[in-house]
Amino acid sequence: MSRKLFVVLTAIVAFVAAFPAASAQQSARFLYVQNAGAMTLKDGTLTLKNVSPVTLFFSDRPKRLAGQLRTGSFIKLWGQGANSFKASPPNATVSVFQGANKITDAVLEISEPQFDGTNLSYKAKVLLGELPAQGDELSLFIDSSDVACGVGDGSFSGEPCWAQEAFNCPNRGGC
């Protein structure tokens, strides 16, 4: 083998070794989406009116999981786990229609969810952008979590509490 080829191969091996491959056991990082018919923001409280009864979730590589969880179950699991959303409030982006064609986006930190089956409220601190006092048709994109808690049969033991709960529910609707 020529010296140049040896140097090139050594450099490639060193480069690849510097970036560890994603482990098959690596926990998925999830993003959640909550949709609602309207919203209000008053005194630091964001209220999603006529919120969808399901919270959508998805992850990127390596697992590429997606599905839905009942919003009530998502809120019940908010405080579970050592690094729960209660312990470390997530960031979220709200994308809301103001009138027929104007869309406004803002980045928030959300905490202290309250859900009554129809409306969902969060304490909200605006981090970036401006959020109107009210708006129609919105989506709330909640930042990821990789908190594990050990719920269920062990199949998803490395996943966040809510994901373990969701994936271990009969037909994902039995929780």
C-alpha atoms as a PDB file:
ATOM      1  CA  MET A   1       0.000   0.000   0.000  1.00  0.00           C
ATOM      2  CA  SER A   2       1.376   3.375  -0.912  1.00  0.00           C
ATOM      3  CA  ARG A   3       2.179   5.890   1.795  1.00  0.00           C
ATOM      4  CA  LYS A   4      -0.358   8.414   0.359  1.00  0.00           C
ATOM      5  CA  LEU A   5      -3.178   5.865   0.469  1.00  0.00           C
ATOM      6  CA  PHE A   6      -2.233   4.898   4.023  1.00  0.00           C
ATOM      7  CA  VAL A   7      -2.292   8.575   5.120  1.00  0.00           C
ATOM      8  CA  VAL A   8      -5.681   9.140   3.434  1.00  0.00           C
ATOM      9  CA  LEU A   9      -7.221   6.025   5.022  1.00  0.00           C
ATOM     10  CA  THR A  10      -5.812   6.955   8.430  1.00  0.00           C
ATOM     11  CA  ALA A  11      -7.291  10.446   8.087  1.00  0.00           C
ATOM     12  CA  ILE A  12     -10.712   9.018   7.144  1.00  0.00           C
ATOM     13  CA  VAL A  13     -10.688   6.607  10.105  1.00  0.00           C
ATOM     14  CA  ALA A  14      -9.693   9.444  12.471  1.00  0.00           C
ATOM     15  CA  PHE A  15     -12.435  11.678  11.077  1.00  0.00           C
ATOM     16  CA  VAL A  16     -15.125   8.998  11.402  1.00  0.00           C
ATOM     17  CA  ALA A  17     -13.975   8.117  14.931  1.00  0.00           C
ATOM     18  CA  ALA A  18     -14.352  11.766  15.955  1.00  0.00           C
ATOM     19  CA  PHE A  19     -18.094  11.575  15.304  1.00  0.00           C
ATOM     20  CA  PRO A  20     -19.659   8.678  17.197  1.00  0.00           C
ATOM     21  CA  ALA A  21     -22.435   6.876  15.367  1.00  0.00           C
ATOM     22  CA  ALA A  22     -25.958   7.204  16.711  1.00  0.00           C
ATOM     23  CA  SER A  23     -26.600   4.349  19.052  1.00  0.00           C
ATOM     24  CA  ALA A  24     -29.499   2.036  18.285  1.00  0.00           C
ATOM     25  CA  GLN A  25     -30.468   2.527  21.942  1.00  0.00           C
ATOM     26  CA  GLN A  26     -30.444   6.337  21.700  1.00  0.00           C
ATOM     27  CA  SER A  27     -33.669   7.857  23.009  1.00  0.00           C
ATOM     28  CA  ALA A  28     -35.854   9.618  20.508  1.00  0.00           C
ATOM     29  CA  ARG A  29     -36.358  13.352  20.938  1.00  0.00           C
ATOM     30  CA  PHE A  30     -39.966  14.277  20.414  1.00  0.00           C
ATOM     31  CA  LEU A  31     -41.783  17.373  19.263  1.00  0.00           C
ATOM     32  CA  TYR A  32     -45.460  17.827  20.018  1.00  0.00           C
ATOM     33  CA  VAL A  33     -48.191  19.744  18.193  1.00  0.00           C
ATOM     34  CA  GLN A  34     -51.427  20.995  19.720  1.00  0.00           C
ATOM     35  CA  ASN A  35     -54.059  22.601  17.482  1.00  0.00           C
ATOM     36  CA  ALA A  36     -56.914  24.827  18.587  1.00  0.00           C
ATOM     37  CA  GLY A  37     -59.737  26.878  17.118  1.00  0.00           C
ATOM     38  CA  ALA A  38     -58.760  30.106  18.894  1.00  0.00           C
ATOM     39  CA  MET A  39     -56.450  31.563  21.540  1.00  0.00           C
ATOM     40  CA  THR A  40     -56.161  34.372  24.028  1.00  0.00           C
ATOM     41  CA  LEU A  41     -53.160  35.783  25.847  1.00  0.00           C
ATOM     42  CA  LYS A  42     -53.950  37.677  29.022  1.00  0.00           C
ATOM     43  CA  ASP A  43     -51.817  38.390  32.095  1.00  0.00           C
ATOM     44  CA  GLY A  44     -49.186  35.837  31.098  1.00  0.00           C
ATOM     45  CA  THR A  45     -51.688  33.038  30.432  1.00  0.00           C
ATOM     46  CA  LEU A  46     -52.038  31.512  26.973  1.00  0.00           C
ATOM     47  CA  THR A  47     -55.411  29.809  26.547  1.00  0.00           C
ATOM     48  CA  LEU A  48     -56.043  27.477  23.628  1.00  0.00           C
ATOM     49  CA  LYS A  49     -59.798  27.436  23.042  1.00  0.00           C
ATOM     50  CA  ASN A  50     -61.468  24.369  21.562  1.00  0.00           C
ATOM     51  CA  VAL A  51     -58.133  22.558  21.647  1.00  0.00           C
ATOM     52  CA  SER A  52     -57.898  19.271  19.770  1.00  0.00           C
ATOM     53  CA  PRO A  53     -58.517  16.262  22.030  1.00  0.00           C
ATOM     54  CA  VAL A  54     -55.243  14.750  20.754  1.00  0.00           C
ATOM     55  CA  THR A  55     -51.671  15.980  20.919  1.00  0.00           C
ATOM     56  CA  LEU A  56     -49.594  14.928  17.922  1.00  0.00           C
ATOM     57  CA  PHE A  57     -45.997  13.842  18.353  1.00  0.00           C
ATOM     58  CA  PHE A  58     -43.108  12.921  16.123  1.00  0.00           C
ATOM     59  CA  SER A  59     -39.386  12.308  16.303  1.00  0.00           C
ATOM     60  CA  ASP A  60     -36.584  12.588  13.825  1.00  0.00           C
ATOM     61  CA  ARG A  61     -33.833  10.096  13.146  1.00  0.00           C
ATOM     62  CA  PRO A  62     -32.893   7.535  14.233  1.00  0.00           C
ATOM     63  CA  LYS A  63     -36.304   6.241  15.369  1.00  0.00           C
ATOM     64  CA  ARG A  64     -38.790   8.297  13.302  1.00  0.00           C
ATOM     65  CA  LEU A  65     -41.756   7.682  15.585  1.00  0.00           C
ATOM     66  CA  ALA A  66     -45.047   9.513  15.115  1.00  0.00           C
ATOM     67  CA  GLY A  67     -48.526   9.294  16.509  1.00  0.00           C
ATOM     68  CA  GLN A  68     -51.013  10.906  18.812  1.00  0.00           C
ATOM     69  CA  LEU A  69     -51.793  10.925  22.502  1.00  0.00           C
ATOM     70  CA  ARG A  70     -54.921  12.177  24.185  1.00  0.00           C
ATOM     71  CA  THR A  71     -54.278  15.742  25.306  1.00  0.00           C
ATOM     72  CA  GLY A  72     -55.532  14.941  28.814  1.00  0.00           C
ATOM     73  CA  SER A  73     -52.957  12.142  29.107  1.00  0.00           C
ATOM     74  CA  PHE A  74     -50.201  14.437  27.834  1.00  0.00           C
ATOM     75  CA  ILE A  75     -51.040  16.978  30.544  1.00  0.00           C
ATOM     76  CA  LYS A  76     -51.233  14.302  33.270  1.00  0.00           C
ATOM     77  CA  LEU A  77     -47.696  13.203  32.359  1.00  0.00           C
ATOM     78  CA  TRP A  78     -46.336  16.791  32.340  1.00  0.00           C
ATOM     79  CA  GLY A  79     -44.635  16.444  35.721  1.00  0.00           C
ATOM     80  CA  GLN A  80     -43.369  12.861  35.542  1.00  0.00           C
ATOM     81  CA  GLY A  81     -39.664  12.057  35.426  1.00  0.00           C
ATOM     82  CA  ALA A  82     -36.609  13.712  36.918  1.00  0.00           C
ATOM     83  CA  ASN A  83     -36.290  16.197  34.017  1.00  0.00           C
ATOM     84  CA  SER A  84     -39.991  16.620  33.354  1.00  0.00           C
ATOM     85  CA  PHE A  85     -41.586  19.619  31.710  1.00  0.00           C
ATOM     86  CA  LYS A  86     -42.604  20.703  35.212  1.00  0.00           C
ATOM     87  CA  ALA A  87     -38.951  20.688  36.296  1.00  0.00           C
ATOM     88  CA  SER A  88     -37.687  22.217  33.036  1.00  0.00           C
ATOM     89  CA  PRO A  89     -40.451  24.097  31.188  1.00  0.00           C
ATOM     90  CA  PRO A  90     -40.286  23.636  27.419  1.00  0.00           C
ATOM     91  CA  ASN A  91     -40.052  26.252  24.745  1.00  0.00           C
ATOM     92  CA  ALA A  92     -42.867  26.354  22.227  1.00  0.00           C
ATOM     93  CA  THR A  93     -43.712  28.249  19.081  1.00  0.00           C
ATOM     94  CA  VAL A  94     -47.235  29.440  18.536  1.00  0.00           C
ATOM     95  CA  SER A  95     -48.384  30.073  14.970  1.00  0.00           C
ATOM     96  CA  VAL A  96     -51.736  31.858  14.967  1.00  0.00           C
ATOM     97  CA  PHE A  97     -54.021  33.409  12.371  1.00  0.00           C
ATOM     98  CA  GLN A  98     -55.076  36.975  12.954  1.00  0.00           C
ATOM     99  CA  GLY A  99     -57.933  37.467  10.560  1.00  0.00           C
ATOM    100  CA  ALA A 100     -58.172  35.599   7.268  1.00  0.00           C
ATOM    101  CA  ASN A 101     -54.600  35.783   5.987  1.00  0.00           C
ATOM    102  CA  LYS A 102     -52.193  37.200   8.590  1.00  0.00           C
ATOM    103  CA  ILE A 103     -50.114  34.668  10.531  1.00  0.00           C
ATOM    104  CA  THR A 104     -48.173  35.638  13.637  1.00  0.00           C
ATOM    105  CA  ASP A 105     -45.495  33.470  15.263  1.00  0.00           C
ATOM    106  CA  ALA A 106     -43.928  33.811  18.702  1.00  0.00           C
ATOM    107  CA  VAL A 107     -41.559  31.695  20.783  1.00  0.00           C
ATOM    108  CA  LEU A 108     -42.655  31.068  24.351  1.00  0.00           C
ATOM    109  CA  GLU A 109     -41.669  29.228  27.478  1.00  0.00           C
ATOM    110  CA  ILE A 110     -44.761  27.390  28.717  1.00  0.00           C
ATOM    111  CA  SER A 111     -45.544  25.936  32.122  1.00  0.00           C
ATOM    112  CA  GLU A 112     -48.360  25.025  34.523  1.00  0.00           C
ATOM    113  CA  PRO A 113     -50.873  23.524  32.063  1.00  0.00           C
ATOM    114  CA  GLN A 114     -54.543  23.488  33.001  1.00  0.00           C
ATOM    115  CA  PHE A 115     -56.937  21.411  30.875  1.00  0.00           C
ATOM    116  CA  ASP A 116     -60.710  21.295  31.251  1.00  0.00           C
ATOM    117  CA  GLY A 117     -61.461  18.978  28.314  1.00  0.00           C
ATOM    118  CA  THR A 118     -62.161  21.844  25.894  1.00  0.00           C
ATOM    119  CA  ASN A 119     -59.695  24.607  26.712  1.00  0.00           C
ATOM    120  CA  LEU A 120     -56.021  24.295  27.595  1.00  0.00           C
ATOM    121  CA  SER A 121     -54.131  27.072  29.393  1.00  0.00           C
ATOM    122  CA  TYR A 122     -50.424  27.527  30.006  1.00  0.00           C
ATOM    123  CA  LYS A 123     -48.463  30.138  31.902  1.00  0.00           C
ATOM    124  CA  ALA A 124     -46.536  31.706  29.027  1.00  0.00           C
ATOM    125  CA  LYS A 125     -43.453  33.878  28.885  1.00  0.00           C
ATOM    126  CA  VAL A 126     -42.820  35.369  25.429  1.00  0.00           C
ATOM    127  CA  LEU A 127     -39.155  34.872  24.482  1.00  0.00           C
ATOM    128  CA  LEU A 128     -39.188  36.081  20.886  1.00  0.00           C
ATOM    129  CA  GLY A 129     -41.748  37.838  18.725  1.00  0.00           C
ATOM    130  CA  GLU A 130     -45.102  39.245  19.709  1.00  0.00           C
ATOM    131  CA  LEU A 131     -48.285  37.353  20.342  1.00  0.00           C
ATOM    132  CA  PRO A 132     -51.659  39.013  19.852  1.00  0.00           C
ATOM    133  CA  ALA A 133     -54.171  39.198  22.682  1.00  0.00           C
ATOM    134  CA  GLN A 134     -56.394  36.904  20.632  1.00  0.00           C
ATOM    135  CA  GLY A 135     -56.334  34.939  17.430  1.00  0.00           C
ATOM    136  CA  ASP A 136     -57.961  32.151  15.475  1.00  0.00           C
ATOM    137  CA  GLU A 137     -56.834  28.753  14.242  1.00  0.00           C
ATOM    138  CA  LEU A 138     -53.463  28.060  15.745  1.00  0.00           C
ATOM    139  CA  SER A 139     -50.830  25.426  16.243  1.00  0.00           C
ATOM    140  CA  LEU A 140     -48.583  25.195  19.267  1.00  0.00           C
ATOM    141  CA  PHE A 141     -45.278  23.409  18.553  1.00  0.00           C
ATOM    142  CA  ILE A 142     -43.755  22.203  21.831  1.00  0.00           C
ATOM    143  CA  ASP A 143     -40.033  21.570  22.128  1.00  0.00           C
ATOM    144  CA  SER A 144     -38.528  18.159  22.601  1.00  0.00           C
ATOM    145  CA  SER A 145     -38.078  16.013  25.631  1.00  0.00           C
ATOM    146  CA  ASP A 146     -36.024  12.902  26.189  1.00  0.00           C
ATOM    147  CA  VAL A 147     -36.957  12.208  29.791  1.00  0.00           C
ATOM    148  CA  ALA A 148     -37.307   8.523  30.649  1.00  0.00           C
ATOM    149  CA  CYS A 149     -39.396   7.248  33.547  1.00  0.00           C
ATOM    150  CA  GLY A 150     -39.853   3.450  33.327  1.00  0.00           C
ATOM    151  CA  VAL A 151     -43.581   3.099  32.619  1.00  0.00           C
ATOM    152  CA  GLY A 152     -44.972  -0.002  30.928  1.00  0.00           C
ATOM    153  CA  ASP A 153     -43.526  -3.303  29.812  1.00  0.00           C
ATOM    154  CA  GLY A 154     -39.983  -2.172  29.055  1.00  0.00           C
ATOM    155  CA  SER A 155     -40.348  -2.050  25.261  1.00  0.00           C
ATOM    156  CA  PHE A 156     -39.991   1.714  25.363  1.00  0.00           C
ATOM    157  CA  SER A 157     -38.070   2.047  28.632  1.00  0.00           C
ATOM    158  CA  GLY A 158     -35.721   4.686  27.200  1.00  0.00           C
ATOM    159  CA  GLU A 159     -38.519   6.918  25.959  1.00  0.00           C
ATOM    160  CA  PRO A 160     -40.141   9.900  27.720  1.00  0.00           C
ATOM    161  CA  CYS A 161     -42.876   9.115  30.250  1.00  0.00           C
ATOM    162  CA  TRP A 162     -45.733  10.205  28.012  1.00  0.00           C
ATOM    163  CA  ALA A 163     -44.347   8.173  25.085  1.00  0.00           C
ATOM    164  CA  GLN A 164     -44.021   5.063  27.238  1.00  0.00           C
ATOM    165  CA  GLU A 165     -47.584   5.573  28.378  1.00  0.00           C
ATOM    166  CA  ALA A 166     -48.825   6.123  24.822  1.00  0.00           C
ATOM    167  CA  PHE A 167     -46.977   3.195  23.275  1.00  0.00           C
ATOM    168  CA  ASN A 168     -48.018   0.840  26.074  1.00  0.00           C
ATOM    169  CA  CYS A 169     -51.737   1.712  25.866  1.00  0.00           C
ATOM    170  CA  PRO A 170     -53.993  -0.798  24.093  1.00  0.00           C
ATOM    171  CA  ASN A 171     -54.474   0.604  20.594  1.00  0.00           C
ATOM    172  CA  ARG A 172     -52.933   3.845  21.885  1.00  0.00           C
ATOM    173  CA  GLY A 173     -56.369   4.973  23.061  1.00  0.00           C
ATOM    174  CA  GLY A 174     -56.803   2.983  26.240  1.00  0.00           C
ATOM    175  CA  CYS A 175     -55.110   5.371  28.652  1.00  0.00           C
END
